[in-house]
C-alpha atoms as a PDB file:
ATOM      1  CA  MET A   1      68.577  90.160  92.341  1.00  0.00           C
ATOM      2  CA  ARG A   2      71.071  87.245  93.880  1.00  0.00           C
ATOM      3  CA  LEU A   3      68.866  84.933  91.234  1.00  0.00           C
ATOM      4  CA  LYS A   4      69.820  87.067  88.375  1.00  0.00           C
ATOM      5  CA  VAL A   5      73.251  86.702  89.554  1.00  0.00           C
ATOM      6  CA  THR A   6      73.535  83.143  89.677  1.00  0.00           C
ATOM      7  CA  THR A   7      71.255  82.655  86.465  1.00  0.00           C
ATOM      8  CA  PHE A   8      74.041  85.022  84.667  1.00  0.00           C
ATOM      9  CA  THR A   9      77.375  82.553  86.268  1.00  0.00           C
ATOM     10  CA  LYS A  10      75.396  79.475  85.277  1.00  0.00           C
ATOM     11  CA  GLN A  11      75.008  80.953  81.377  1.00  0.00           C
ATOM     12  CA  GLN A  12      78.842  81.695  81.898  1.00  0.00           C
ATOM     13  CA  ASP A  13      79.461  78.173  82.062  1.00  0.00           C
ATOM     14  CA  SER A  14      80.846  78.662  85.786  1.00  0.00           C
ATOM     15  CA  LYS A  15      80.987  76.262  88.229  1.00  0.00           C
ATOM     16  CA  GLN A  16      79.655  77.991  90.840  1.00  0.00           C
ATOM     17  CA  GLU A  17      76.081  78.313  89.855  1.00  0.00           C
ATOM     18  CA  PHE A  18      74.579  78.057  93.057  1.00  0.00           C
ATOM     19  CA  ALA A  19      73.257  80.524  95.589  1.00  0.00           C
ATOM     20  CA  ALA A  20      75.843  81.428  98.305  1.00  0.00           C
ATOM     21  CA  LEU A  21      75.783  79.854 101.581  1.00  0.00           C
ATOM     22  CA  ILE A  22      74.806  82.607 103.600  1.00  0.00           C
ATOM     23  CA  GLY A  23      72.160  83.214 101.844  1.00  0.00           C
ATOM     24  CA  LYS A  24      70.084  86.496 102.171  1.00  0.00           C
ATOM     25  CA  VAL A  25      72.249  87.416 105.091  1.00  0.00           C
ATOM     26  CA  ILE A  26      74.807  89.089 102.786  1.00  0.00           C
ATOM     27  CA  ASP A  27      72.257  91.234 101.276  1.00  0.00           C
ATOM     28  CA  LYS A  28      72.201  92.709 104.381  1.00  0.00           C
ATOM     29  CA  ALA A  29      75.953  93.336 104.882  1.00  0.00           C
ATOM     30  CA  HIS A  30      77.493  97.214 104.184  1.00  0.00           C
ATOM     31  CA  VAL A  31      81.047  98.357 104.100  1.00  0.00           C
ATOM     32  CA  GLU A  32      82.054 100.139 107.004  1.00  0.00           C
ATOM     33  CA  PRO A  33      83.729 103.663 105.433  1.00  0.00           C
ATOM     34  CA  LEU A  34      85.739 104.030 108.917  1.00  0.00           C
ATOM     35  CA  HIS A  35      87.520 100.805 108.568  1.00  0.00           C
ATOM     36  CA  LEU A  36      88.664 101.643 104.823  1.00  0.00           C
ATOM     37  CA  LYS A  37      89.609 105.066 105.480  1.00  0.00           C
ATOM     38  CA  ASN A  38      91.813 103.273 108.434  1.00  0.00           C
ATOM     39  CA  ASN A  39      93.239 100.666 105.954  1.00  0.00           C
ATOM     40  CA  ALA A  40      94.009 103.330 103.166  1.00  0.00           C
ATOM     41  CA  LEU A  41      95.906 105.606 106.009  1.00  0.00           C
ATOM     42  CA  GLY A  42      98.121 102.162 106.901  1.00  0.00           C
ATOM     43  CA  ILE A  43      99.056 101.632 103.443  1.00  0.00           C
ATOM     44  CA  VAL A  44      99.928 105.169 102.572  1.00  0.00           C
ATOM     45  CA  PHE A  45     102.075 105.171 106.250  1.00  0.00           C
ATOM     46  CA  LYS A  46     103.594 102.036 105.266  1.00  0.00           C
ATOM     47  CA  VAL A  47     104.763 103.669 101.853  1.00  0.00           C
ATOM     48  CA  VAL A  48     105.853 107.015 103.446  1.00  0.00           C
ATOM     49  CA  LEU A  49     107.797 105.091 106.085  1.00  0.00           C
ATOM     50  CA  LYS A  50     110.113 102.783 103.553  1.00  0.00           C
ATOM     51  CA  GLU A  51     110.523 105.884 101.696  1.00  0.00           C
ATOM     52  CA  ALA A  52     111.954 108.227 104.547  1.00  0.00           C
ATOM     53  CA  VAL A  53     113.815 104.972 105.646  1.00  0.00           C
ATOM     54  CA  ALA A  54     115.047 104.779 102.456  1.00  0.00           C
ATOM     55  CA  LYS A  55     116.205 108.280 101.925  1.00  0.00           C
ATOM     56  CA  SER A  56     117.742 108.379 105.592  1.00  0.00           C
ATOM     57  CA  ASN A  57     121.002 106.835 104.753  1.00  0.00           C
ATOM     58  CA  ILE A  58     121.070 105.441 108.235  1.00  0.00           C
ATOM     59  CA  SER A  59     124.103 103.219 108.963  1.00  0.00           C
ATOM     60  CA  PRO A  60     123.990  99.564 109.950  1.00  0.00           C
ATOM     61  CA  SER A  61     125.450 100.315 112.892  1.00  0.00           C
ATOM     62  CA  CYS A  62     122.498 102.566 114.304  1.00  0.00           C
ATOM     63  CA  LYS A  63     121.080 100.075 116.682  1.00  0.00           C
ATOM     64  CA  SER A  64     118.930 102.565 118.544  1.00  0.00           C
ATOM     65  CA  TYR A  65     116.520 105.061 117.759  1.00  0.00           C
ATOM     66  CA  SER A  66     118.144 107.522 119.580  1.00  0.00           C
ATOM     67  CA  ASN A  67     121.162 106.933 117.199  1.00  0.00           C
ATOM     68  CA  ILE A  68     119.437 108.262 113.952  1.00  0.00           C
ATOM     69  CA  PRO A  69     120.404 111.791 112.786  1.00  0.00           C
ATOM     70  CA  LYS A  70     117.810 114.463 113.702  1.00  0.00           C
ATOM     71  CA  ASN A  71     117.961 115.483 110.014  1.00  0.00           C
ATOM     72  CA  SER A  72     117.184 112.214 108.709  1.00  0.00           C
ATOM     73  CA  ARG A  73     113.499 111.908 106.888  1.00  0.00           C
ATOM     74  CA  LEU A  74     112.652 109.033 109.348  1.00  0.00           C
ATOM     75  CA  PHE A  75     113.311 110.889 112.677  1.00  0.00           C
ATOM     76  CA  GLN A  76     111.427 113.464 110.836  1.00  0.00           C
ATOM     77  CA  ILE A  77     108.158 111.261 110.202  1.00  0.00           C
ATOM     78  CA  VAL A  78     108.494 109.861 113.848  1.00  0.00           C
ATOM     79  CA  ASN A  79     108.647 113.333 115.343  1.00  0.00           C
ATOM     80  CA  ALA A  80     105.900 114.539 113.397  1.00  0.00           C
ATOM     81  CA  LEU A  81     103.652 111.944 114.737  1.00  0.00           C
ATOM     82  CA  LYS A  82     104.803 112.426 118.687  1.00  0.00           C
ATOM     83  CA  THR A  83     103.689 115.828 117.674  1.00  0.00           C
ATOM     84  CA  CYS A  84     100.550 114.966 116.377  1.00  0.00           C
ATOM     85  CA  LEU A  85      99.769 112.362 119.515  1.00  0.00           C
ATOM     86  CA  ASN A  86     100.641 114.918 121.913  1.00  0.00           C
ATOM     87  CA  ILE A  87      98.291 117.727 120.119  1.00  0.00           C
ATOM     88  CA  PHE A  88      95.376 114.932 119.724  1.00  0.00           C
ATOM     89  CA  GLY A  89      95.959 112.098 122.738  1.00  0.00           C
END
């Protein structure tokens, strides 16, 4: 299979027409589904967290988590995470 790929690459006038330095070892590599799921959840959480912070309208004078209004989106998300950790942790 690798020979087909390198031959095709060479026909496309690519400069990388040689076999990979790690050779056949790469053929044994596989994707770990758990890491994909963790990475995807991390990305989703970052998006949700940014949105929550933007919608919370926290004043610049707020220097502590305890000063965040309890009806803000950020407080609600953190509270939900704490609840989940208490249930599953």
